[in-house]
Amino acid sequence: MEEDSKHGTSKVADVGNYIIDLAPIDECIQEGEKITYIKMDIEGAEVRALQGAKRIICENKPKLAICVYHKNEDFLDIPKLILSFVPEYKLYLRHHNVSGTETVLYAVL
C-alpha cells in the first residue's frame, strides 16, 4: 500500500510502504455459503476485487455498494464489469458529499 501523507490518502499499488496479503473473495467464501451484501472502498483496487468475487456475485447476486471515485476509469469500467456478471442488476450512482469523492455505485435486483 502506498501512502501520500501530505494529502492523507492511500492506494493499493504494486510498490509502496506496506506489504499486505490479499486473497480473492471467491477463495475466502465456501461454495454454497450465502452472501447478500458486498461493500468495497479499497483505494482503487475495486476492479481487481470484483474480478476476484465473480463466482460469489454470479451465484448469490448480492446487493453491491462499490466506490468508483478512486480512478476516473472506474466510473465506466466498474458498471460494465458488474453488468457482465449479472446483466439484471439495476445500477444507481450516489455522491455522498459535494466534492465528488465518496461516490458509490449501487447494484441491486
PDB file of N, CA and C in Angstrom:
ATOM      1  N   MET A   1       0.852  -1.166   0.000  1.00  0.00           N
ATOM      2  CA  MET A   1       0.000   0.000   0.000  1.00  0.00           C
ATOM      3  C   MET A   1       0.897   1.228   0.000  1.00  0.00           C
ATOM      4  N   GLU A   2       0.555   2.166  -0.832  1.00  0.00           N
ATOM      5  CA  GLU A   2       1.321   3.391  -0.947  1.00  0.00           C
ATOM      6  C   GLU A   2       0.556   4.501  -0.235  1.00  0.00           C
ATOM      7  N   GLU A   3       1.268   5.309   0.551  1.00  0.00           N
ATOM      8  CA  GLU A   3       0.635   6.397   1.295  1.00  0.00           C
ATOM      9  C   GLU A   3       1.109   7.746   0.787  1.00  0.00           C
ATOM     10  N   ASP A   4       0.210   8.713   0.780  1.00  0.00           N
ATOM     11  CA  ASP A   4       0.534  10.098   0.478  1.00  0.00           C
ATOM     12  C   ASP A   4       0.229  10.896   1.737  1.00  0.00           C
ATOM     13  N   SER A   5       1.204  10.967   2.642  1.00  0.00           N
ATOM     14  CA  SER A   5       0.966  11.603   3.943  1.00  0.00           C
ATOM     15  C   SER A   5       0.644  13.089   3.802  1.00  0.00           C
ATOM     16  N   LYS A   6       1.098  13.712   2.736  1.00  0.00           N
ATOM     17  CA  LYS A   6       0.806  15.125   2.500  1.00  0.00           C
ATOM     18  C   LYS A   6      -0.695  15.360   2.330  1.00  0.00           C
ATOM     19  N   HIS A   7      -1.374  14.411   1.668  1.00  0.00           N
ATOM     20  CA  HIS A   7      -2.798  14.569   1.408  1.00  0.00           C
ATOM     21  C   HIS A   7      -3.668  13.638   2.249  1.00  0.00           C
ATOM     22  N   GLY A   8      -3.051  12.786   3.075  1.00  0.00           N
ATOM     23  CA  GLY A   8      -3.818  11.891   3.931  1.00  0.00           C
ATOM     24  C   GLY A   8      -4.551  10.807   3.173  1.00  0.00           C
ATOM     25  N   THR A   9      -3.999  10.401   2.024  1.00  0.00           N
ATOM     26  CA  THR A   9      -4.656   9.378   1.223  1.00  0.00           C
ATOM     27  C   THR A   9      -3.725   8.191   1.021  1.00  0.00           C
ATOM     28  N   SER A  10      -4.300   7.106   0.559  1.00  0.00           N
ATOM     29  CA  SER A  10      -3.508   5.924   0.238  1.00  0.00           C
ATOM     30  C   SER A  10      -4.164   5.225  -0.929  1.00  0.00           C
ATOM     31  N   LYS A  11      -3.425   4.287  -1.528  1.00  0.00           N
ATOM     32  CA  LYS A  11      -3.973   3.498  -2.611  1.00  0.00           C
ATOM     33  C   LYS A  11      -3.264   2.159  -2.632  1.00  0.00           C
ATOM     34  N   VAL A  12      -3.920   1.178  -3.198  1.00  0.00           N
ATOM     35  CA  VAL A  12      -3.313  -0.130  -3.360  1.00  0.00           C
ATOM     36  C   VAL A  12      -2.426  -0.050  -4.594  1.00  0.00           C
ATOM     37  N   ALA A  13      -1.173  -0.457  -4.452  1.00  0.00           N
ATOM     38  CA  ALA A  13      -0.206  -0.398  -5.554  1.00  0.00           C
ATOM     39  C   ALA A  13       0.754  -1.573  -5.450  1.00  0.00           C
ATOM     40  N   ASP A  14       1.467  -1.829  -6.522  1.00  0.00           N
ATOM     41  CA  ASP A  14       2.442  -2.929  -6.523  1.00  0.00           C
ATOM     42  C   ASP A  14       3.684  -2.600  -5.713  1.00  0.00           C
ATOM     43  N   VAL A  15       3.938  -1.319  -5.474  1.00  0.00           N
ATOM     44  CA  VAL A  15       5.063  -0.888  -4.649  1.00  0.00           C
ATOM     45  C   VAL A  15       4.550   0.112  -3.625  1.00  0.00           C
ATOM     46  N   GLY A  16       5.260   0.237  -2.511  1.00  0.00           N
ATOM     47  CA  GLY A  16       4.834   1.195  -1.502  1.00  0.00           C
ATOM     48  C   GLY A  16       5.483   0.918  -0.169  1.00  0.00           C
ATOM     49  N   ASN A  17       4.934   1.499   0.874  1.00  0.00           N
ATOM     50  CA  ASN A  17       5.500   1.419   2.210  1.00  0.00           C
ATOM     51  C   ASN A  17       5.083   0.177   2.978  1.00  0.00           C
ATOM     52  N   TYR A  18       3.998  -0.468   2.576  1.00  0.00           N
ATOM     53  CA  TYR A  18       3.475  -1.610   3.322  1.00  0.00           C
ATOM     54  C   TYR A  18       3.189  -2.764   2.370  1.00  0.00           C
ATOM     55  N   ILE A  19       3.364  -3.969   2.856  1.00  0.00           N
ATOM     56  CA  ILE A  19       3.002  -5.165   2.108  1.00  0.00           C
ATOM     57  C   ILE A  19       1.838  -5.816   2.849  1.00  0.00           C
ATOM     58  N   ILE A  20       0.776  -6.097   2.104  1.00  0.00           N
ATOM     59  CA  ILE A  20      -0.378  -6.742   2.713  1.00  0.00           C
ATOM     60  C   ILE A  20      -0.721  -8.002   1.918  1.00  0.00           C
ATOM     61  N   ASP A  21      -1.163  -9.023   2.613  1.00  0.00           N
ATOM     62  CA  ASP A  21      -1.588 -10.260   1.964  1.00  0.00           C
ATOM     63  C   ASP A  21      -3.030 -10.104   1.501  1.00  0.00           C
ATOM     64  N   LEU A  22      -3.292 -10.536   0.289  1.00  0.00           N
ATOM     65  CA  LEU A  22      -4.633 -10.446  -0.278  1.00  0.00           C
ATOM     66  C   LEU A  22      -5.071 -11.804  -0.780  1.00  0.00           C
ATOM     67  N   ALA A  23      -6.357 -12.035  -0.785  1.00  0.00           N
ATOM     68  CA  ALA A  23      -6.932 -13.254  -1.350  1.00  0.00           C
ATOM     69  C   ALA A  23      -8.263 -12.888  -2.003  1.00  0.00           C
ATOM     70  N   PRO A  24      -8.569 -13.490  -3.147  1.00  0.00           N
ATOM     71  CA  PRO A  24      -9.861 -13.227  -3.791  1.00  0.00           C
ATOM     72  C   PRO A  24     -11.018 -13.666  -2.889  1.00  0.00           C
ATOM     73  N   ILE A  25     -12.095 -12.914  -2.940  1.00  0.00           N
ATOM     74  CA  ILE A  25     -13.281 -13.249  -2.154  1.00  0.00           C
ATOM     75  C   ILE A  25     -13.753 -14.662  -2.494  1.00  0.00           C
ATOM     76  N   ASP A  26     -13.672 -15.027  -3.772  1.00  0.00           N
ATOM     77  CA  ASP A  26     -14.114 -16.360  -4.183  1.00  0.00           C
ATOM     78  C   ASP A  26     -13.348 -17.470  -3.478  1.00  0.00           C
ATOM     79  N   GLU A  27     -12.116 -17.223  -3.066  1.00  0.00           N
ATOM     80  CA  GLU A  27     -11.341 -18.221  -2.339  1.00  0.00           C
ATOM     81  C   GLU A  27     -11.640 -18.216  -0.843  1.00  0.00           C
ATOM     82  N   CYS A  28     -12.205 -17.138  -0.339  1.00  0.00           N
ATOM     83  CA  CYS A  28     -12.470 -17.000   1.095  1.00  0.00           C
ATOM     84  C   CYS A  28     -13.859 -17.491   1.489  1.00  0.00           C
ATOM     85  N   ILE A  29     -14.764 -17.540   0.530  1.00  0.00           N
ATOM     86  CA  ILE A  29     -16.140 -17.936   0.793  1.00  0.00           C
ATOM     87  C   ILE A  29     -16.371 -19.317   0.192  1.00  0.00           C
ATOM     88  N   GLN A  30     -16.840 -20.229   1.003  1.00  0.00           N
ATOM     89  CA  GLN A  30     -17.081 -21.592   0.528  1.00  0.00           C
ATOM     90  C   GLN A  30     -18.285 -21.637  -0.401  1.00  0.00           C
ATOM     91  N   GLU A  31     -18.208 -22.533  -1.380  1.00  0.00           N
ATOM     92  CA  GLU A  31     -19.321 -22.713  -2.297  1.00  0.00           C
ATOM     93  C   GLU A  31     -20.559 -23.105  -1.502  1.00  0.00           C
ATOM     94  N   GLY A  32     -21.676 -22.474  -1.814  1.00  0.00           N
ATOM     95  CA  GLY A  32     -22.922 -22.744  -1.112  1.00  0.00           C
ATOM     96  C   GLY A  32     -23.206 -21.773   0.017  1.00  0.00           C
ATOM     97  N   GLU A  33     -22.183 -21.061   0.498  1.00  0.00           N
ATOM     98  CA  GLU A  33     -22.393 -20.067   1.554  1.00  0.00           C
ATOM     99  C   GLU A  33     -23.105 -18.864   0.944  1.00  0.00           C
ATOM    100  N   LYS A  34     -24.163 -18.381   1.566  1.00  0.00           N
ATOM    101  CA  LYS A  34     -24.989 -17.302   1.022  1.00  0.00           C
ATOM    102  C   LYS A  34     -24.432 -15.940   1.406  1.00  0.00           C
ATOM    103  N   ILE A  35     -24.107 -15.141   0.413  1.00  0.00           N
ATOM    104  CA  ILE A  35     -23.623 -13.774   0.605  1.00  0.00           C
ATOM    105  C   ILE A  35     -24.693 -12.835   0.065  1.00  0.00           C
ATOM    106  N   THR A  36     -25.132 -11.865   0.870  1.00  0.00           N
ATOM    107  CA  THR A  36     -26.235 -10.991   0.460  1.00  0.00           C
ATOM    108  C   THR A  36     -25.824  -9.545   0.207  1.00  0.00           C
ATOM    109  N   TYR A  37     -24.615  -9.149   0.633  1.00  0.00           N
ATOM    110  CA  TYR A  37     -24.208  -7.747   0.508  1.00  0.00           C
ATOM    111  C   TYR A  37     -22.692  -7.673   0.438  1.00  0.00           C
ATOM    112  N   ILE A  38     -22.178  -6.912  -0.524  1.00  0.00           N
ATOM    113  CA  ILE A  38     -20.737  -6.652  -0.620  1.00  0.00           C
ATOM    114  C   ILE A  38     -20.547  -5.150  -0.731  1.00  0.00           C
ATOM    115  N   LYS A  39     -19.692  -4.606   0.127  1.00  0.00           N
ATOM    116  CA  LYS A  39     -19.352  -3.189   0.119  1.00  0.00           C
ATOM    117  C   LYS A  39     -17.842  -3.083  -0.087  1.00  0.00           C
ATOM    118  N   MET A  40     -17.416  -2.213  -1.012  1.00  0.00           N
ATOM    119  CA  MET A  40     -15.989  -2.034  -1.270  1.00  0.00           C
ATOM    120  C   MET A  40     -15.612  -0.560  -1.327  1.00  0.00           C
ATOM    121  N   ASP A  41     -14.649  -0.199  -0.533  1.00  0.00           N
ATOM    122  CA  ASP A  41     -13.963   1.092  -0.619  1.00  0.00           C
ATOM    123  C   ASP A  41     -12.501   0.763  -0.351  1.00  0.00           C
ATOM    124  N   ILE A  42     -11.814   0.274  -1.384  1.00  0.00           N
ATOM    125  CA  ILE A  42     -10.477  -0.284  -1.181  1.00  0.00           C
ATOM    126  C   ILE A  42      -9.429   0.413  -2.043  1.00  0.00           C
ATOM    127  N   GLU A  43      -9.526   1.735  -2.055  1.00  0.00           N
ATOM    128  CA  GLU A  43      -8.470   2.614  -2.554  1.00  0.00           C
ATOM    129  C   GLU A  43      -7.995   2.283  -3.964  1.00  0.00           C
ATOM    130  N   GLY A  44      -8.941   2.075  -4.875  1.00  0.00           N
ATOM    131  CA  GLY A  44      -8.584   1.878  -6.272  1.00  0.00           C
ATOM    132  C   GLY A  44      -8.430   0.433  -6.693  1.00  0.00           C
ATOM    133  N   ALA A  45      -8.601  -0.504  -5.791  1.00  0.00           N
ATOM    134  CA  ALA A  45      -8.464  -1.925  -6.127  1.00  0.00           C
ATOM    135  C   ALA A  45      -9.824  -2.592  -6.338  1.00  0.00           C
ATOM    136  N   GLU A  46     -10.858  -1.805  -6.517  1.00  0.00           N
ATOM    137  CA  GLU A  46     -12.207  -2.353  -6.627  1.00  0.00           C
ATOM    138  C   GLU A  46     -12.370  -3.270  -7.842  1.00  0.00           C
ATOM    139  N   VAL A  47     -11.825  -2.897  -8.997  1.00  0.00           N
ATOM    140  CA  VAL A  47     -11.976  -3.738 -10.188  1.00  0.00           C
ATOM    141  C   VAL A  47     -11.354  -5.102  -9.948  1.00  0.00           C
ATOM    142  N   ARG A  48     -10.143  -5.128  -9.439  1.00  0.00           N
ATOM    143  CA  ARG A  48      -9.480  -6.417  -9.182  1.00  0.00           C
ATOM    144  C   ARG A  48     -10.239  -7.232  -8.142  1.00  0.00           C
ATOM    145  N   ALA A  49     -10.766  -6.563  -7.135  1.00  0.00           N
ATOM    146  CA  ALA A  49     -11.518  -7.273  -6.101  1.00  0.00           C
ATOM    147  C   ALA A  49     -12.822  -7.835  -6.665  1.00  0.00           C
ATOM    148  N   LEU A  50     -13.492  -7.071  -7.516  1.00  0.00           N
ATOM    149  CA  LEU A  50     -14.714  -7.572  -8.136  1.00  0.00           C
ATOM    150  C   LEU A  50     -14.414  -8.784  -9.017  1.00  0.00           C
ATOM    151  N   GLN A  51     -13.313  -8.737  -9.750  1.00  0.00           N
ATOM    152  CA  GLN A  51     -12.927  -9.886 -10.566  1.00  0.00           C
ATOM    153  C   GLN A  51     -12.694 -11.114  -9.690  1.00  0.00           C
ATOM    154  N   GLY A  52     -12.161 -10.896  -8.501  1.00  0.00           N
ATOM    155  CA  GLY A  52     -11.927 -11.988  -7.565  1.00  0.00           C
ATOM    156  C   GLY A  52     -13.169 -12.426  -6.813  1.00  0.00           C
ATOM    157  N   ALA A  53     -14.283 -11.754  -7.069  1.00  0.00           N
ATOM    158  CA  ALA A  53     -15.559 -12.108  -6.428  1.00  0.00           C
ATOM    159  C   ALA A  53     -16.599 -12.531  -7.454  1.00  0.00           C
ATOM    160  N   LYS A  54     -16.158 -12.808  -8.673  1.00  0.00           N
ATOM    161  CA  LYS A  54     -17.089 -13.114  -9.768  1.00  0.00           C
ATOM    162  C   LYS A  54     -18.013 -14.285  -9.422  1.00  0.00           C
ATOM    163  N   ARG A  55     -17.473 -15.372  -8.911  1.00  0.00           N
ATOM    164  CA  ARG A  55     -18.294 -16.542  -8.593  1.00  0.00           C
ATOM    165  C   ARG A  55     -19.376 -16.192  -7.575  1.00  0.00           C
ATOM    166  N   ILE A  56     -18.969 -15.504  -6.508  1.00  0.00           N
ATOM    167  CA  ILE A  56     -19.913 -15.125  -5.446  1.00  0.00           C
ATOM    168  C   ILE A  56     -21.000 -14.213  -5.994  1.00  0.00           C
ATOM    169  N   ILE A  57     -20.612 -13.247  -6.812  1.00  0.00           N
ATOM    170  CA  ILE A  57     -21.583 -12.300  -7.364  1.00  0.00           C
ATOM    171  C   ILE A  57     -22.553 -13.018  -8.301  1.00  0.00           C
ATOM    172  N   CYS A  58     -22.029 -13.867  -9.177  1.00  0.00           N
ATOM    173  CA  CYS A  58     -22.889 -14.581 -10.121  1.00  0.00           C
ATOM    174  C   CYS A  58     -23.831 -15.558  -9.420  1.00  0.00           C
ATOM    175  N   GLU A  59     -23.336 -16.269  -8.415  1.00  0.00           N
ATOM    176  CA  GLU A  59     -24.165 -17.260  -7.719  1.00  0.00           C
ATOM    177  C   GLU A  59     -25.186 -16.633  -6.781  1.00  0.00           C
ATOM    178  N   ASN A  60     -24.763 -15.615  -6.021  1.00  0.00           N
ATOM    179  CA  ASN A  60     -25.605 -15.058  -4.957  1.00  0.00           C
ATOM    180  C   ASN A  60     -26.341 -13.787  -5.336  1.00  0.00           C
ATOM    181  N   LYS A  61     -25.841 -13.070  -6.335  1.00  0.00           N
ATOM    182  CA  LYS A  61     -26.414 -11.782  -6.748  1.00  0.00           C
ATOM    183  C   LYS A  61     -26.645 -10.868  -5.538  1.00  0.00           C
ATOM    184  N   PRO A  62     -25.587 -10.645  -4.739  1.00  0.00           N
ATOM    185  CA  PRO A  62     -25.758  -9.793  -3.559  1.00  0.00           C
ATOM    186  C   PRO A  62     -25.942  -8.334  -3.946  1.00  0.00           C
ATOM    187  N   LYS A  63     -26.502  -7.561  -3.037  1.00  0.00           N
ATOM    188  CA  LYS A  63     -26.511  -6.115  -3.214  1.00  0.00           C
ATOM    189  C   LYS A  63     -25.050  -5.663  -3.166  1.00  0.00           C
ATOM    190  N   LEU A  64     -24.695  -4.691  -4.015  1.00  0.00           N
ATOM    191  CA  LEU A  64     -23.324  -4.194  -4.070  1.00  0.00           C
ATOM    192  C   LEU A  64     -23.300  -2.698  -3.800  1.00  0.00           C
ATOM    193  N   ALA A  65     -22.303  -2.263  -3.062  1.00  0.00           N
ATOM    194  CA  ALA A  65     -22.016  -0.839  -2.851  1.00  0.00           C
ATOM    195  C   ALA A  65     -20.520  -0.687  -3.101  1.00  0.00           C
ATOM    196  N   ILE A  66     -20.171  -0.169  -4.280  1.00  0.00           N
ATOM    197  CA  ILE A  66     -18.787  -0.154  -4.722  1.00  0.00           C
ATOM    198  C   ILE A  66     -18.347   1.278  -4.991  1.00  0.00           C
ATOM    199  N   CYS A  67     -17.280   1.711  -4.336  1.00  0.00           N
ATOM    200  CA  CYS A  67     -16.754   3.058  -4.581  1.00  0.00           C
ATOM    201  C   CYS A  67     -16.159   3.137  -5.983  1.00  0.00           C
ATOM    202  N   VAL A  68     -16.454   4.238  -6.675  1.00  0.00           N
ATOM    203  CA  VAL A  68     -15.984   4.414  -8.053  1.00  0.00           C
ATOM    204  C   VAL A  68     -15.188   5.703  -8.242  1.00  0.00           C
ATOM    205  N   TYR A  69     -14.795   6.348  -7.164  1.00  0.00           N
ATOM    206  CA  TYR A  69     -14.157   7.657  -7.279  1.00  0.00           C
ATOM    207  C   TYR A  69     -12.634   7.629  -7.236  1.00  0.00           C
ATOM    208  N   HIS A  70     -12.034   6.488  -6.993  1.00  0.00           N
ATOM    209  CA  HIS A  70     -10.581   6.462  -6.855  1.00  0.00           C
ATOM    210  C   HIS A  70      -9.850   6.654  -8.182  1.00  0.00           C
ATOM    211  N   LYS A  71     -10.424   6.154  -9.262  1.00  0.00           N
ATOM    212  CA  LYS A  71      -9.844   6.281 -10.604  1.00  0.00           C
ATOM    213  C   LYS A  71     -10.944   6.735 -11.559  1.00  0.00           C
ATOM    214  N   ASN A  72     -10.624   7.649 -12.455  1.00  0.00           N
ATOM    215  CA  ASN A  72     -11.634   8.151 -13.391  1.00  0.00           C
ATOM    216  C   ASN A  72     -12.268   7.029 -14.197  1.00  0.00           C
ATOM    217  N   GLU A  73     -11.467   6.061 -14.639  1.00  0.00           N
ATOM    218  CA  GLU A  73     -11.993   4.980 -15.471  1.00  0.00           C
ATOM    219  C   GLU A  73     -12.972   4.074 -14.720  1.00  0.00           C
ATOM    220  N   ASP A  74     -12.942   4.106 -13.398  1.00  0.00           N
ATOM    221  CA  ASP A  74     -13.851   3.265 -12.619  1.00  0.00           C
ATOM    222  C   ASP A  74     -15.319   3.623 -12.846  1.00  0.00           C
ATOM    223  N   PHE A  75     -15.606   4.878 -13.199  1.00  0.00           N
ATOM    224  CA  PHE A  75     -16.985   5.294 -13.441  1.00  0.00           C
ATOM    225  C   PHE A  75     -17.605   4.502 -14.586  1.00  0.00           C
ATOM    226  N   LEU A  76     -16.787   4.063 -15.544  1.00  0.00           N
ATOM    227  CA  LEU A  76     -17.281   3.255 -16.661  1.00  0.00           C
ATOM    228  C   LEU A  76     -16.947   1.776 -16.510  1.00  0.00           C
ATOM    229  N   ASP A  77     -15.729   1.489 -16.057  1.00  0.00           N
ATOM    230  CA  ASP A  77     -15.269   0.098 -16.002  1.00  0.00           C
ATOM    231  C   ASP A  77     -16.030  -0.741 -14.979  1.00  0.00           C
ATOM    232  N   ILE A  78     -16.311  -0.182 -13.818  1.00  0.00           N
ATOM    233  CA  ILE A  78     -16.981  -0.959 -12.769  1.00  0.00           C
ATOM    234  C   ILE A  78     -18.424  -1.303 -13.150  1.00  0.00           C
ATOM    235  N   PRO A  79     -19.218  -0.348 -13.640  1.00  0.00           N
ATOM    236  CA  PRO A  79     -20.571  -0.743 -14.060  1.00  0.00           C
ATOM    237  C   PRO A  79     -20.562  -1.806 -15.164  1.00  0.00           C
ATOM    238  N   LYS A  80     -19.661  -1.654 -16.139  1.00  0.00           N
ATOM    239  CA  LYS A  80     -19.578  -2.652 -17.219  1.00  0.00           C
ATOM    240  C   LYS A  80     -19.225  -4.027 -16.673  1.00  0.00           C
ATOM    241  N   LEU A  81     -18.274  -4.065 -15.762  1.00  0.00           N
ATOM    242  CA  LEU A  81     -17.850  -5.337 -15.184  1.00  0.00           C
ATOM    243  C   LEU A  81     -18.994  -5.998 -14.416  1.00  0.00           C
ATOM    244  N   ILE A  82     -19.662  -5.216 -13.577  1.00  0.00           N
ATOM    245  CA  ILE A  82     -20.769  -5.759 -12.789  1.00  0.00           C
ATOM    246  C   ILE A  82     -21.871  -6.300 -13.700  1.00  0.00           C
ATOM    247  N   LEU A  83     -22.220  -5.541 -14.730  1.00  0.00           N
ATOM    248  CA  LEU A  83     -23.279  -5.989 -15.643  1.00  0.00           C
ATOM    249  C   LEU A  83     -22.847  -7.184 -16.487  1.00  0.00           C
ATOM    250  N   SER A  84     -21.544  -7.357 -16.698  1.00  0.00           N
ATOM    251  CA  SER A  84     -21.086  -8.553 -17.410  1.00  0.00           C
ATOM    252  C   SER A  84     -21.268  -9.798 -16.550  1.00  0.00           C
ATOM    253  N   PHE A  85     -21.264  -9.623 -15.231  1.00  0.00           N
ATOM    254  CA  PHE A  85     -21.500 -10.740 -14.310  1.00  0.00           C
ATOM    255  C   PHE A  85     -22.994 -11.034 -14.180  1.00  0.00           C
ATOM    256  N   VAL A  86     -23.776  -9.977 -13.945  1.00  0.00           N
ATOM    257  CA  VAL A  86     -25.220 -10.117 -13.694  1.00  0.00           C
ATOM    258  C   VAL A  86     -25.939  -8.997 -14.457  1.00  0.00           C
ATOM    259  N   PRO A  87     -26.335  -9.276 -15.698  1.00  0.00           N
ATOM    260  CA  PRO A  87     -26.968  -8.225 -16.517  1.00  0.00           C
ATOM    261  C   PRO A  87     -28.259  -7.670 -15.927  1.00  0.00           C
ATOM    262  N   GLU A  88     -28.905  -8.422 -15.031  1.00  0.00           N
ATOM    263  CA  GLU A  88     -30.190  -7.979 -14.451  1.00  0.00           C
ATOM    264  C   GLU A  88     -30.039  -6.892 -13.385  1.00  0.00           C
ATOM    265  N   TYR A  89     -28.818  -6.658 -12.912  1.00  0.00           N
ATOM    266  CA  TYR A  89     -28.642  -5.628 -11.883  1.00  0.00           C
ATOM    267  C   TYR A  89     -29.167  -4.285 -12.381  1.00  0.00           C
ATOM    268  N   LYS A  90     -29.763  -3.543 -11.473  1.00  0.00           N
ATOM    269  CA  LYS A  90     -30.099  -2.137 -11.709  1.00  0.00           C
ATOM    270  C   LYS A  90     -29.027  -1.336 -10.982  1.00  0.00           C
ATOM    271  N   LEU A  91     -28.481  -0.330 -11.645  1.00  0.00           N
ATOM    272  CA  LEU A  91     -27.361   0.428 -11.098  1.00  0.00           C
ATOM    273  C   LEU A  91     -27.794   1.836 -10.719  1.00  0.00           C
ATOM    274  N   TYR A  92     -27.271   2.303  -9.589  1.00  0.00           N
ATOM    275  CA  TYR A  92     -27.543   3.651  -9.090  1.00  0.00           C
ATOM    276  C   TYR A  92     -26.229   4.252  -8.637  1.00  0.00           C
ATOM    277  N   LEU A  93     -26.049   5.537  -8.921  1.00  0.00           N
ATOM    278  CA  LEU A  93     -24.822   6.243  -8.536  1.00  0.00           C
ATOM    279  C   LEU A  93     -25.191   7.336  -7.545  1.00  0.00           C
ATOM    280  N   ARG A  94     -24.437   7.420  -6.460  1.00  0.00           N
ATOM    281  CA  ARG A  94     -24.722   8.447  -5.457  1.00  0.00           C
ATOM    282  C   ARG A  94     -23.423   9.101  -4.987  1.00  0.00           C
ATOM    283  N   HIS A  95     -23.427  10.426  -4.986  1.00  0.00           N
ATOM    284  CA  HIS A  95     -22.335  11.196  -4.388  1.00  0.00           C
ATOM    285  C   HIS A  95     -22.700  11.405  -2.928  1.00  0.00           C
ATOM    286  N   HIS A  96     -21.803  11.046  -2.031  1.00  0.00           N
ATOM    287  CA  HIS A  96     -22.089  11.189  -0.607  1.00  0.00           C
ATOM    288  C   HIS A  96     -21.523  12.473  -0.021  1.00  0.00           C
ATOM    289  N   ASN A  97     -20.913  13.311  -0.866  1.00  0.00           N
ATOM    290  CA  ASN A  97     -20.517  14.661  -0.452  1.00  0.00           C
ATOM    291  C   ASN A  97     -20.425  15.542  -1.688  1.00  0.00           C
ATOM    292  N   VAL A  98     -20.250  16.819  -1.516  1.00  0.00           N
ATOM    293  CA  VAL A  98     -20.312  17.755  -2.636  1.00  0.00           C
ATOM    294  C   VAL A  98     -19.072  17.745  -3.524  1.00  0.00           C
ATOM    295  N   SER A  99     -17.966  17.213  -3.063  1.00  0.00           N
ATOM    296  CA  SER A  99     -16.731  17.272  -3.846  1.00  0.00           C
ATOM    297  C   SER A  99     -16.621  16.170  -4.898  1.00  0.00           C
ATOM    298  N   GLY A 100     -17.514  15.189  -4.897  1.00  0.00           N
ATOM    299  CA  GLY A 100     -17.435  14.098  -5.859  1.00  0.00           C
ATOM    300  C   GLY A 100     -16.662  12.902  -5.338  1.00  0.00           C
ATOM    301  N   THR A 101     -15.972  13.078  -4.217  1.00  0.00           N
ATOM    302  CA  THR A 101     -15.363  11.904  -3.600  1.00  0.00           C
ATOM    303  C   THR A 101     -16.458  11.181  -2.838  1.00  0.00           C
ATOM    304  N   GLU A 102     -16.176   9.981  -2.432  1.00  0.00           N
ATOM    305  CA  GLU A 102     -17.175   9.146  -1.777  1.00  0.00           C
ATOM    306  C   GLU A 102     -18.362   8.891  -2.692  1.00  0.00           C
ATOM    307  N   THR A 103     -18.071   8.710  -3.990  1.00  0.00           N
ATOM    308  CA  THR A 103     -19.116   8.370  -4.954  1.00  0.00           C
ATOM    309  C   THR A 103     -19.227   6.857  -5.006  1.00  0.00           C
ATOM    310  N   VAL A 104     -20.449   6.359  -4.819  1.00  0.00           N
ATOM    311  CA  VAL A 104     -20.684   4.922  -4.687  1.00  0.00           C
ATOM    312  C   VAL A 104     -21.655   4.474  -5.773  1.00  0.00           C
ATOM    313  N   LEU A 105     -21.330   3.344  -6.395  1.00  0.00           N
ATOM    314  CA  LEU A 105     -22.220   2.683  -7.343  1.00  0.00           C
ATOM    315  C   LEU A 105     -22.939   1.580  -6.585  1.00  0.00           C
ATOM    316  N   TYR A 106     -24.267   1.599  -6.651  1.00  0.00           N
ATOM    317  CA  TYR A 106     -25.080   0.578  -6.002  1.00  0.00           C
ATOM    318  C   TYR A 106     -25.649  -0.322  -7.101  1.00  0.00           C
ATOM    319  N   ALA A 107     -25.608  -1.631  -6.868  1.00  0.00           N
ATOM    320  CA  ALA A 107     -26.185  -2.602  -7.794  1.00  0.00           C
ATOM    321  C   ALA A 107     -27.175  -3.459  -6.994  1.00  0.00           C
ATOM    322  N   VAL A 108     -28.410  -3.473  -7.473  1.00  0.00           N
ATOM    323  CA  VAL A 108     -29.470  -4.227  -6.796  1.00  0.00           C
ATOM    324  C   VAL A 108     -30.352  -4.902  -7.847  1.00  0.00           C
ATOM    325  N   LEU A 109     -31.056  -5.911  -7.418  1.00  0.00           N
ATOM    326  CA  LEU A 109     -32.020  -6.573  -8.312  1.00  0.00           C
ATOM    327  C   LEU A 109     -33.413  -6.040  -8.048  1.00  0.00           C
TER     328      LEU A 109
END
